[in-house]
Amino acid sequence: MQESYRTVYRGGTGEIVEKKSRFIADIRLAETEEEALAFIESKKKQYWDARHHCFAYIIGDQEQTVRASDDGEPSGTAGRPMLAVLQGEGLKNVVAVVTRYFGGTLLGTGGLVKAYSQAVQEGLKESILIDKKLGAILKIGTDYTGLGKIQYLMGQRGIPLLASEYTESVSLDAMVPVAEEQAFRAELVDATSGAVKIEKADTCYYAELNGGILFGGALNGEQ
């Protein structure tokens, strides 16, 4: 599993007009090739009267499946430029469909490459993108003497607090990037002189958005 990758939280639609041709870009999260293909088909049905439905998608956190289609446009003028925009943004698990309504004027190969690229860029502007990070959920137990020190360490590292419970002792649930887990554990032990109990509850992807933490099913903003 990748320690981090960029993807779509919520897809969007953008549009440009070039010499009276409309280019409508739809962006969506797709975690399987089947999801990507189903989305492409849904756009073909939605814009049934359009001449072209070009697409590009990247599936897998290591780009295990990558596809692009010019759908009748001159070879290399649509799908590949669209894919280049997605890859340039470092996106994974994403599908882009650009629907073209022909305006009567030929754009030439350079004009098409520019138009399809710009359309995808507009679609991405209307989408919400997130950076997924692989994290470890740690349950941290301590007494009230150690609480301030732990909170300070979490603040220094920017580690999100998921939950807290204050009874006779303190229990905190923290989301720690896997790359920082061992160092953070050592810092906790050192800061509290060993007066801390640390258990790993889970390992999962998470993302930060608008000051909040997304993980589990909440990461899929399309659903």
C-alpha atoms as a PDB file:
ATOM      1  CA  MET A   1       0.000   0.000   0.000  1.00  0.00           C
ATOM      2  CA  GLN A   2       1.201   3.472  -0.852  1.00  0.00           C
ATOM      3  CA  GLU A   3       1.896   5.706   2.159  1.00  0.00           C
ATOM      4  CA  SER A   4      -0.012   8.514   0.415  1.00  0.00           C
ATOM      5  CA  TYR A   5      -1.691   9.382  -2.869  1.00  0.00           C
ATOM      6  CA  ARG A   6      -4.004  12.042  -4.287  1.00  0.00           C
ATOM      7  CA  THR A   7      -7.526  11.233  -5.384  1.00  0.00           C
ATOM      8  CA  VAL A   8     -11.060  12.592  -5.815  1.00  0.00           C
ATOM      9  CA  TYR A   9     -13.289  13.162  -2.824  1.00  0.00           C
ATOM     10  CA  ARG A  10     -16.148  14.662  -4.810  1.00  0.00           C
ATOM     11  CA  GLY A  11     -16.209  14.910  -8.590  1.00  0.00           C
ATOM     12  CA  GLY A  12     -17.298  17.938 -10.570  1.00  0.00           C
ATOM     13  CA  THR A  13     -18.208  19.179 -14.037  1.00  0.00           C
ATOM     14  CA  GLY A  14     -16.424  21.876 -16.005  1.00  0.00           C
ATOM     15  CA  GLU A  15     -16.969  23.243 -19.518  1.00  0.00           C
ATOM     16  CA  ILE A  16     -15.131  25.263 -22.125  1.00  0.00           C
ATOM     17  CA  VAL A  17     -16.193  26.496 -25.574  1.00  0.00           C
ATOM     18  CA  GLU A  18     -13.682  26.614 -28.410  1.00  0.00           C
ATOM     19  CA  LYS A  19     -14.794  27.894 -31.835  1.00  0.00           C
ATOM     20  CA  LYS A  20     -18.399  27.031 -30.965  1.00  0.00           C
ATOM     21  CA  SER A  21     -17.535  23.442 -29.952  1.00  0.00           C
ATOM     22  CA  ARG A  22     -18.567  22.621 -26.389  1.00  0.00           C
ATOM     23  CA  PHE A  23     -16.265  20.455 -24.287  1.00  0.00           C
ATOM     24  CA  ILE A  24     -17.938  19.182 -21.114  1.00  0.00           C
ATOM     25  CA  ALA A  25     -15.640  17.481 -18.602  1.00  0.00           C
ATOM     26  CA  ASP A  26     -17.008  15.212 -15.883  1.00  0.00           C
ATOM     27  CA  ILE A  27     -14.672  13.975 -13.141  1.00  0.00           C
ATOM     28  CA  ARG A  28     -15.403  11.190 -10.685  1.00  0.00           C
ATOM     29  CA  LEU A  29     -13.806   8.871  -8.165  1.00  0.00           C
ATOM     30  CA  ALA A  30     -13.439   5.301  -9.503  1.00  0.00           C
ATOM     31  CA  GLU A  31     -11.788   2.626  -7.383  1.00  0.00           C
ATOM     32  CA  THR A  32     -12.264  -0.187  -9.925  1.00  0.00           C
ATOM     33  CA  GLU A  33     -12.224  -0.363 -13.699  1.00  0.00           C
ATOM     34  CA  GLU A  34     -15.854  -1.464 -13.602  1.00  0.00           C
ATOM     35  CA  GLU A  35     -16.803   1.762 -11.820  1.00  0.00           C
ATOM     36  CA  ALA A  36     -14.899   3.805 -14.400  1.00  0.00           C
ATOM     37  CA  LEU A  37     -16.570   2.058 -17.340  1.00  0.00           C
ATOM     38  CA  ALA A  38     -20.019   2.413 -15.776  1.00  0.00           C
ATOM     39  CA  PHE A  39     -19.448   6.160 -15.336  1.00  0.00           C
ATOM     40  CA  ILE A  40     -18.332   6.511 -18.960  1.00  0.00           C
ATOM     41  CA  GLU A  41     -21.469   4.730 -20.129  1.00  0.00           C
ATOM     42  CA  SER A  42     -23.642   6.970 -17.963  1.00  0.00           C
ATOM     43  CA  LYS A  43     -22.157  10.065 -19.645  1.00  0.00           C
ATOM     44  CA  LYS A  44     -22.781   8.593 -23.087  1.00  0.00           C
ATOM     45  CA  LYS A  45     -26.421   8.140 -22.165  1.00  0.00           C
ATOM     46  CA  GLN A  46     -26.693  11.581 -20.591  1.00  0.00           C
ATOM     47  CA  TYR A  47     -25.180  13.301 -23.641  1.00  0.00           C
ATOM     48  CA  TRP A  48     -26.564  10.867 -26.199  1.00  0.00           C
ATOM     49  CA  ASP A  49     -26.642  13.451 -28.988  1.00  0.00           C
ATOM     50  CA  ALA A  50     -22.950  14.429 -28.708  1.00  0.00           C
ATOM     51  CA  ARG A  51     -20.367  13.418 -31.301  1.00  0.00           C
ATOM     52  CA  HIS A  52     -17.525  12.344 -29.010  1.00  0.00           C
ATOM     53  CA  HIS A  53     -17.156  10.997 -25.464  1.00  0.00           C
ATOM     54  CA  CYS A  54     -13.415  10.827 -24.853  1.00  0.00           C
ATOM     55  CA  PHE A  55     -12.104   9.479 -21.577  1.00  0.00           C
ATOM     56  CA  ALA A  56      -9.115   8.688 -19.403  1.00  0.00           C
ATOM     57  CA  TYR A  57      -8.877   6.830 -16.121  1.00  0.00           C
ATOM     58  CA  ILE A  58      -6.278   5.724 -13.602  1.00  0.00           C
ATOM     59  CA  ILE A  59      -7.138   2.865 -11.244  1.00  0.00           C
ATOM     60  CA  GLY A  60      -5.033   1.757  -8.284  1.00  0.00           C
ATOM     61  CA  ASP A  61      -2.750   3.579  -5.881  1.00  0.00           C
ATOM     62  CA  GLN A  62       0.184   2.514  -8.079  1.00  0.00           C
ATOM     63  CA  GLU A  63      -1.604   3.108 -11.406  1.00  0.00           C
ATOM     64  CA  GLN A  64      -2.230  -0.604 -11.931  1.00  0.00           C
ATOM     65  CA  THR A  65      -4.780   0.120 -14.681  1.00  0.00           C
ATOM     66  CA  VAL A  66      -4.491   3.116 -17.014  1.00  0.00           C
ATOM     67  CA  ARG A  67      -6.691   3.672 -20.072  1.00  0.00           C
ATOM     68  CA  ALA A  68      -7.455   6.509 -22.498  1.00  0.00           C
ATOM     69  CA  SER A  69      -9.684   6.848 -25.551  1.00  0.00           C
ATOM     70  CA  ASP A  70      -9.981   9.414 -28.353  1.00  0.00           C
ATOM     71  CA  ASP A  71     -13.454   8.095 -29.277  1.00  0.00           C
ATOM     72  CA  GLY A  72     -13.224   9.073 -32.929  1.00  0.00           C
ATOM     73  CA  GLU A  73     -11.066  12.172 -32.577  1.00  0.00           C
ATOM     74  CA  PRO A  74      -7.675  12.096 -34.383  1.00  0.00           C
ATOM     75  CA  SER A  75      -5.270   9.728 -32.626  1.00  0.00           C
ATOM     76  CA  GLY A  76      -3.527  11.247 -29.634  1.00  0.00           C
ATOM     77  CA  THR A  77      -5.572  14.464 -29.520  1.00  0.00           C
ATOM     78  CA  ALA A  78      -7.992  13.678 -26.679  1.00  0.00           C
ATOM     79  CA  GLY A  79      -7.511  10.668 -24.402  1.00  0.00           C
ATOM     80  CA  ARG A  80      -3.755  10.982 -23.941  1.00  0.00           C
ATOM     81  CA  PRO A  81      -3.810  14.743 -23.241  1.00  0.00           C
ATOM     82  CA  MET A  82      -6.623  14.142 -20.735  1.00  0.00           C
ATOM     83  CA  LEU A  83      -4.596  11.415 -19.069  1.00  0.00           C
ATOM     84  CA  ALA A  84      -1.557  13.696 -18.934  1.00  0.00           C
ATOM     85  CA  VAL A  85      -3.554  16.271 -16.941  1.00  0.00           C
ATOM     86  CA  LEU A  86      -4.699  13.633 -14.421  1.00  0.00           C
ATOM     87  CA  GLN A  87      -1.172  12.285 -14.041  1.00  0.00           C
ATOM     88  CA  GLY A  88       0.229  15.788 -13.790  1.00  0.00           C
ATOM     89  CA  GLU A  89      -2.024  16.318 -10.759  1.00  0.00           C
ATOM     90  CA  GLY A  90      -0.754  13.053  -9.279  1.00  0.00           C
ATOM     91  CA  LEU A  91      -4.281  11.613  -9.164  1.00  0.00           C
ATOM     92  CA  LYS A  92      -5.164   7.959  -8.618  1.00  0.00           C
ATOM     93  CA  ASN A  93      -8.561   6.212  -8.725  1.00  0.00           C
ATOM     94  CA  VAL A  94     -10.041   8.819 -11.028  1.00  0.00           C
ATOM     95  CA  VAL A  95     -11.989   8.853 -14.290  1.00  0.00           C
ATOM     96  CA  ALA A  96     -12.510  11.827 -16.599  1.00  0.00           C
ATOM     97  CA  VAL A  97     -14.962  11.984 -19.493  1.00  0.00           C
ATOM     98  CA  VAL A  98     -14.990  14.894 -21.929  1.00  0.00           C
ATOM     99  CA  THR A  99     -18.052  15.150 -24.132  1.00  0.00           C
ATOM    100  CA  ARG A 100     -17.737  17.244 -27.288  1.00  0.00           C
ATOM    101  CA  TYR A 101     -20.565  18.908 -29.139  1.00  0.00           C
ATOM    102  CA  PHE A 102     -19.086  19.832 -32.515  1.00  0.00           C
ATOM    103  CA  GLY A 103     -19.508  23.496 -33.407  1.00  0.00           C
ATOM    104  CA  GLY A 104     -18.860  23.243 -37.130  1.00  0.00           C
ATOM    105  CA  THR A 105     -15.245  24.436 -37.171  1.00  0.00           C
ATOM    106  CA  LEU A 106     -12.270  22.072 -37.242  1.00  0.00           C
ATOM    107  CA  LEU A 107      -9.730  22.811 -34.504  1.00  0.00           C
ATOM    108  CA  GLY A 108      -6.728  20.914 -35.832  1.00  0.00           C
ATOM    109  CA  THR A 109      -4.631  18.527 -33.746  1.00  0.00           C
ATOM    110  CA  GLY A 110      -3.042  21.247 -31.611  1.00  0.00           C
ATOM    111  CA  GLY A 111      -6.382  22.887 -30.955  1.00  0.00           C
ATOM    112  CA  LEU A 112      -7.940  19.594 -29.912  1.00  0.00           C
ATOM    113  CA  VAL A 113      -5.100  18.732 -27.537  1.00  0.00           C
ATOM    114  CA  LYS A 114      -5.441  22.152 -25.920  1.00  0.00           C
ATOM    115  CA  ALA A 115      -9.228  21.987 -25.687  1.00  0.00           C
ATOM    116  CA  TYR A 116      -9.405  18.509 -24.150  1.00  0.00           C
ATOM    117  CA  SER A 117      -6.646  19.341 -21.685  1.00  0.00           C
ATOM    118  CA  GLN A 118      -8.295  22.600 -20.633  1.00  0.00           C
ATOM    119  CA  ALA A 119     -11.663  20.910 -20.253  1.00  0.00           C
ATOM    120  CA  VAL A 120     -10.234  18.386 -17.784  1.00  0.00           C
ATOM    121  CA  GLN A 121      -8.538  21.195 -15.885  1.00  0.00           C
ATOM    122  CA  GLU A 122     -11.891  22.971 -15.593  1.00  0.00           C
ATOM    123  CA  GLY A 123     -13.507  19.765 -14.358  1.00  0.00           C
ATOM    124  CA  LEU A 124     -10.829  19.367 -11.694  1.00  0.00           C
ATOM    125  CA  LYS A 125     -11.367  22.964 -10.555  1.00  0.00           C
ATOM    126  CA  GLU A 126     -14.981  22.042  -9.829  1.00  0.00           C
ATOM    127  CA  SER A 127     -13.988  18.877  -7.971  1.00  0.00           C
ATOM    128  CA  ILE A 128     -12.781  18.358  -4.416  1.00  0.00           C
ATOM    129  CA  LEU A 129      -9.423  16.598  -4.315  1.00  0.00           C
ATOM    130  CA  ILE A 130      -7.830  15.043  -1.236  1.00  0.00           C
ATOM    131  CA  ASP A 131      -4.519  13.507  -0.238  1.00  0.00           C
ATOM    132  CA  LYS A 132      -5.063  10.056   1.239  1.00  0.00           C
ATOM    133  CA  LYS A 133      -2.458   9.047   3.800  1.00  0.00           C
ATOM    134  CA  LEU A 134      -1.899   5.643   5.371  1.00  0.00           C
ATOM    135  CA  GLY A 135      -2.306   6.031   9.091  1.00  0.00           C
ATOM    136  CA  ALA A 136      -2.303   4.039  12.303  1.00  0.00           C
ATOM    137  CA  ILE A 137      -5.062   4.645  14.825  1.00  0.00           C
ATOM    138  CA  LEU A 138      -3.378   4.606  18.226  1.00  0.00           C
ATOM    139  CA  LYS A 139      -5.237   4.380  21.527  1.00  0.00           C
ATOM    140  CA  ILE A 140      -3.183   6.302  24.041  1.00  0.00           C
ATOM    141  CA  GLY A 141      -3.793   5.975  27.764  1.00  0.00           C
ATOM    142  CA  THR A 142      -2.176   8.195  30.382  1.00  0.00           C
ATOM    143  CA  ASP A 143      -2.826  10.103  33.587  1.00  0.00           C
ATOM    144  CA  TYR A 144      -3.653  13.790  33.754  1.00  0.00           C
ATOM    145  CA  THR A 145      -0.019  14.652  34.436  1.00  0.00           C
ATOM    146  CA  GLY A 146       0.998  13.364  31.011  1.00  0.00           C
ATOM    147  CA  LEU A 147      -1.944  14.834  29.108  1.00  0.00           C
ATOM    148  CA  GLY A 148      -0.415  18.229  28.353  1.00  0.00           C
ATOM    149  CA  LYS A 149       2.833  16.671  27.138  1.00  0.00           C
ATOM    150  CA  ILE A 150       0.970  14.332  24.791  1.00  0.00           C
ATOM    151  CA  GLN A 151      -1.184  17.144  23.451  1.00  0.00           C
ATOM    152  CA  TYR A 152       1.955  19.193  22.832  1.00  0.00           C
ATOM    153  CA  LEU A 153       3.584  16.348  20.869  1.00  0.00           C
ATOM    154  CA  MET A 154       0.441  15.836  18.795  1.00  0.00           C
ATOM    155  CA  GLY A 155       0.313  19.542  18.034  1.00  0.00           C
ATOM    156  CA  GLN A 156       3.978  19.629  17.038  1.00  0.00           C
ATOM    157  CA  ARG A 157       3.504  16.772  14.590  1.00  0.00           C
ATOM    158  CA  GLY A 158       0.050  17.848  13.425  1.00  0.00           C
ATOM    159  CA  ILE A 159      -1.456  14.537  14.503  1.00  0.00           C
ATOM    160  CA  PRO A 160      -5.285  14.573  14.463  1.00  0.00           C
ATOM    161  CA  LEU A 161      -7.285  13.640  17.558  1.00  0.00           C
ATOM    162  CA  LEU A 162     -10.162  11.296  16.717  1.00  0.00           C
ATOM    163  CA  ALA A 163     -11.706  10.810  20.148  1.00  0.00           C
ATOM    164  CA  SER A 164     -11.041  11.436  23.824  1.00  0.00           C
ATOM    165  CA  GLU A 165     -12.355  10.152  27.130  1.00  0.00           C
ATOM    166  CA  TYR A 166     -11.676  11.699  30.507  1.00  0.00           C
ATOM    167  CA  THR A 167     -12.409   9.620  33.584  1.00  0.00           C
ATOM    168  CA  GLU A 168      -9.969   8.708  36.341  1.00  0.00           C
ATOM    169  CA  SER A 169      -7.396   8.588  33.565  1.00  0.00           C
ATOM    170  CA  VAL A 170      -7.222   9.918  29.998  1.00  0.00           C
ATOM    171  CA  SER A 171      -7.805   7.955  26.799  1.00  0.00           C
ATOM    172  CA  LEU A 172      -7.022   9.494  23.402  1.00  0.00           C
ATOM    173  CA  ASP A 173      -7.482   8.081  19.899  1.00  0.00           C
ATOM    174  CA  ALA A 174      -4.968   9.568  17.471  1.00  0.00           C
ATOM    175  CA  MET A 175      -4.418   9.120  13.727  1.00  0.00           C
ATOM    176  CA  VAL A 176      -0.679   8.857  13.110  1.00  0.00           C
ATOM    177  CA  PRO A 177       0.959   8.612   9.675  1.00  0.00           C
ATOM    178  CA  VAL A 178       2.532   5.146   9.465  1.00  0.00           C
ATOM    179  CA  ALA A 179       5.878   6.697   8.569  1.00  0.00           C
ATOM    180  CA  GLU A 180       5.866   8.550  11.912  1.00  0.00           C
ATOM    181  CA  GLU A 181       4.391   5.847  14.135  1.00  0.00           C
ATOM    182  CA  GLN A 182       7.554   4.448  15.700  1.00  0.00           C
ATOM    183  CA  ALA A 183       9.120   7.858  16.293  1.00  0.00           C
ATOM    184  CA  PHE A 184       5.880   9.157  17.826  1.00  0.00           C
ATOM    185  CA  ARG A 185       5.630   6.135  20.134  1.00  0.00           C
ATOM    186  CA  ALA A 186       9.173   6.740  21.343  1.00  0.00           C
ATOM    187  CA  GLU A 187       8.448  10.426  21.950  1.00  0.00           C
ATOM    188  CA  LEU A 188       5.335   9.557  23.968  1.00  0.00           C
ATOM    189  CA  VAL A 189       7.260   7.190  26.204  1.00  0.00           C
ATOM    190  CA  ASP A 190      10.065   9.704  26.678  1.00  0.00           C
ATOM    191  CA  ALA A 191       7.770  12.673  27.345  1.00  0.00           C
ATOM    192  CA  THR A 192       5.723  10.827  29.968  1.00  0.00           C
ATOM    193  CA  SER A 193       8.661   8.933  31.511  1.00  0.00           C
ATOM    194  CA  GLY A 194       6.932   5.713  30.504  1.00  0.00           C
ATOM    195  CA  ALA A 195       3.595   6.586  32.095  1.00  0.00           C
ATOM    196  CA  VAL A 196       1.664   5.857  28.908  1.00  0.00           C
ATOM    197  CA  LYS A 197      -0.082   2.888  27.353  1.00  0.00           C
ATOM    198  CA  ILE A 198      -0.168   2.679  23.549  1.00  0.00           C
ATOM    199  CA  GLU A 199      -2.224   0.213  21.493  1.00  0.00           C
ATOM    200  CA  LYS A 200      -2.728   0.122  17.743  1.00  0.00           C
ATOM    201  CA  ALA A 201      -6.440  -0.153  16.961  1.00  0.00           C
ATOM    202  CA  ASP A 202      -6.300  -0.154  13.151  1.00  0.00           C
ATOM    203  CA  THR A 203      -4.369   0.832  10.035  1.00  0.00           C
ATOM    204  CA  CYS A 204      -6.297   2.690   7.352  1.00  0.00           C
ATOM    205  CA  TYR A 205      -6.247   5.548   4.878  1.00  0.00           C
ATOM    206  CA  TYR A 206      -7.363   8.978   6.033  1.00  0.00           C
ATOM    207  CA  ALA A 207      -7.492  12.532   4.720  1.00  0.00           C
ATOM    208  CA  GLU A 208      -7.828  16.000   6.197  1.00  0.00           C
ATOM    209  CA  LEU A 209     -10.516  18.266   4.763  1.00  0.00           C
ATOM    210  CA  ASN A 210     -11.830  21.604   6.005  1.00  0.00           C
ATOM    211  CA  GLY A 211     -10.289  21.080   9.412  1.00  0.00           C
ATOM    212  CA  GLY A 212     -11.806  17.609   9.843  1.00  0.00           C
ATOM    213  CA  ILE A 213     -10.625  14.021   9.464  1.00  0.00           C
ATOM    214  CA  LEU A 214     -12.070  11.588   6.941  1.00  0.00           C
ATOM    215  CA  PHE A 215     -11.516   7.852   7.198  1.00  0.00           C
ATOM    216  CA  GLY A 216     -13.401   4.647   6.525  1.00  0.00           C
ATOM    217  CA  GLY A 217     -16.573   5.108   4.475  1.00  0.00           C
ATOM    218  CA  ALA A 218     -16.398   8.886   4.912  1.00  0.00           C
ATOM    219  CA  LEU A 219     -13.457   9.004   2.501  1.00  0.00           C
ATOM    220  CA  ASN A 220     -15.780   8.246  -0.398  1.00  0.00           C
ATOM    221  CA  GLY A 221     -17.505  11.560  -0.960  1.00  0.00           C
ATOM    222  CA  GLU A 222     -19.375  10.210  -4.002  1.00  0.00           C
ATOM    223  CA  GLN A 223     -21.576   7.984  -1.879  1.00  0.00           C
END
